Amino acid sequence: MEVRDHFRAAARQPVHLPAMVEVGGRARRAVVLDLGLEGASVEGGEPLAVGDRVLLSVTAPNLWDPLDVPAEVRWSVSPGPSGGVRLGLRFHPRDGRTLRALATLLATTHFE
């Protein structure tokens, strides 16, 4: 049995959504690879430190505007499977509207 070094309270589902990761006023292109109510895995940009605060802006097929979610870097791997930096993000939503938008996005059946 494999030993896991983390516990995820909310399930994630695989997605492939364009996004931007903003840190320190600089935005980097990224792709969201998996998504849940509490966090996401993204690939793209340059390495970030664990604990860095970022703003993830996800472009979703069911939203008019990008969904902006404040988050914290929980882990960083370079390079990821596609050669870019891969980040694990934990969300810190500002309000219930953000959580509702995330839940609606997760209920959408087609992400590509």
Protein backbone atom coordinates (compact mmCIF):
# COMPACT_ATOMS: atom_id res chain seq x y z
CA MET A 1 0.00 0.00 0.00
CA GLU A 2 1.34 3.41 -0.99
CA VAL A 3 1.89 5.93 1.80
CA ARG A 4 0.48 9.38 0.98
CA ASP A 5 2.10 12.47 2.42
CA HIS A 6 -1.05 14.58 2.19
CA PHE A 7 -4.77 14.31 2.70
CA ARG A 8 -7.35 15.86 0.43
CA ALA A 9 -10.67 16.68 2.09
CA ALA A 10 -12.42 17.46 -1.21
CA ALA A 11 -12.15 15.33 -4.33
CA ARG A 12 -10.64 16.73 -7.50
CA GLN A 13 -11.59 15.96 -11.04
CA PRO A 14 -9.37 16.03 -14.11
CA VAL A 15 -9.85 19.08 -16.33
CA HIS A 16 -7.94 20.93 -19.02
CA LEU A 17 -8.73 24.62 -18.59
CA PRO A 18 -6.68 27.64 -19.64
CA ALA A 19 -5.70 29.89 -16.74
CA MET A 20 -3.38 32.61 -15.54
CA VAL A 21 -1.39 32.47 -12.30
CA GLU A 22 -0.61 35.92 -10.93
CA VAL A 23 1.99 36.51 -8.25
CA GLY A 24 3.60 39.80 -7.33
CA GLY A 25 1.78 41.63 -10.13
CA ARG A 26 3.13 39.27 -12.81
CA ALA A 27 0.76 36.91 -14.63
CA ARG A 28 1.87 33.62 -16.18
CA ARG A 29 -0.06 31.37 -18.55
CA ALA A 30 -1.02 28.01 -17.11
CA VAL A 31 -3.32 25.03 -17.60
CA VAL A 32 -5.48 23.68 -14.78
CA LEU A 33 -5.02 19.88 -14.75
CA ASP A 34 -7.30 18.99 -11.86
CA LEU A 35 -9.81 21.01 -9.88
CA GLY A 36 -11.79 20.74 -6.65
CA LEU A 37 -13.55 23.02 -4.21
CA GLU A 38 -10.41 23.39 -2.11
CA GLY A 39 -7.63 23.51 -4.69
CA ALA A 40 -6.14 22.70 -8.06
CA SER A 41 -3.09 21.39 -9.83
CA VAL A 42 -1.76 23.68 -12.55
CA GLU A 43 1.10 23.52 -15.01
CA GLY A 44 2.95 26.43 -16.57
CA GLY A 45 5.04 29.46 -15.75
CA GLU A 46 8.09 29.47 -13.56
CA PRO A 47 8.82 27.86 -10.18
CA LEU A 48 7.17 29.38 -7.12
CA ALA A 49 7.94 28.82 -3.46
CA VAL A 50 5.70 26.88 -1.12
CA GLY A 51 3.61 29.43 0.74
CA ASP A 52 3.55 32.01 -2.08
CA ARG A 53 0.14 33.68 -2.42
CA VAL A 54 -1.22 33.72 -5.96
CA LEU A 55 -4.39 34.60 -7.85
CA LEU A 56 -5.61 31.83 -10.16
CA SER A 57 -7.80 33.09 -13.02
CA VAL A 58 -9.56 30.18 -14.72
CA THR A 59 -11.22 30.50 -18.11
CA ALA A 60 -14.24 28.20 -18.06
CA PRO A 61 -16.83 27.33 -20.72
CA ASN A 62 -19.75 28.05 -18.38
CA LEU A 63 -18.62 31.52 -17.22
CA TRP A 64 -18.63 34.87 -19.03
CA ASP A 65 -15.58 36.14 -17.16
CA PRO A 66 -12.57 34.30 -15.76
CA LEU A 67 -13.07 32.86 -12.28
CA ASP A 68 -10.54 34.50 -9.92
CA VAL A 69 -9.59 32.43 -6.88
CA PRO A 70 -6.93 33.49 -4.34
CA ALA A 71 -4.69 30.54 -3.51
CA GLU A 72 -1.52 29.44 -1.79
CA VAL A 73 1.22 27.29 -3.33
CA ARG A 74 1.33 24.00 -1.38
CA TRP A 75 3.89 22.21 -3.58
CA SER A 76 5.95 22.83 -6.70
CA VAL A 77 7.57 20.33 -9.07
CA SER A 78 9.86 21.26 -11.93
CA PRO A 79 9.60 20.01 -14.57
CA GLY A 80 6.07 18.61 -14.71
CA PRO A 81 4.90 15.90 -17.14
CA SER A 82 4.79 18.35 -20.06
CA GLY A 83 8.11 19.99 -19.24
CA GLY A 84 6.68 23.00 -17.40
CA VAL A 85 6.47 23.76 -13.70
CA ARG A 86 3.63 21.99 -11.91
CA LEU A 87 2.03 23.61 -8.85
CA GLY A 88 -0.40 22.39 -6.21
CA LEU A 89 -2.66 25.21 -5.06
CA ARG A 90 -4.91 25.45 -2.03
CA PHE A 91 -7.77 27.89 -2.47
CA HIS A 92 -8.59 30.74 -0.10
CA PRO A 93 -11.87 32.00 -1.60
CA ARG A 94 -12.94 35.49 -0.58
CA ASP A 95 -16.67 34.78 -0.48
CA GLY A 96 -19.48 32.30 -1.07
CA ARG A 97 -19.91 33.53 -4.64
CA THR A 98 -16.49 32.11 -5.54
CA LEU A 99 -17.34 28.74 -3.96
CA ARG A 100 -20.68 28.69 -5.81
CA ALA A 101 -18.92 29.41 -9.12
CA LEU A 102 -16.41 26.61 -8.41
CA ALA A 103 -19.24 24.19 -7.61
CA THR A 104 -21.05 25.13 -10.81
CA LEU A 105 -17.88 24.69 -12.82
CA LEU A 106 -17.28 21.25 -11.27
CA ALA A 107 -20.86 20.23 -12.14
CA THR A 108 -20.22 21.03 -15.81
CA THR A 109 -19.72 17.80 -17.72
CA HIS A 110 -17.48 19.00 -20.56
CA PHE A 111 -14.33 21.02 -19.91
CA GLU A 112 -12.71 21.06 -23.33
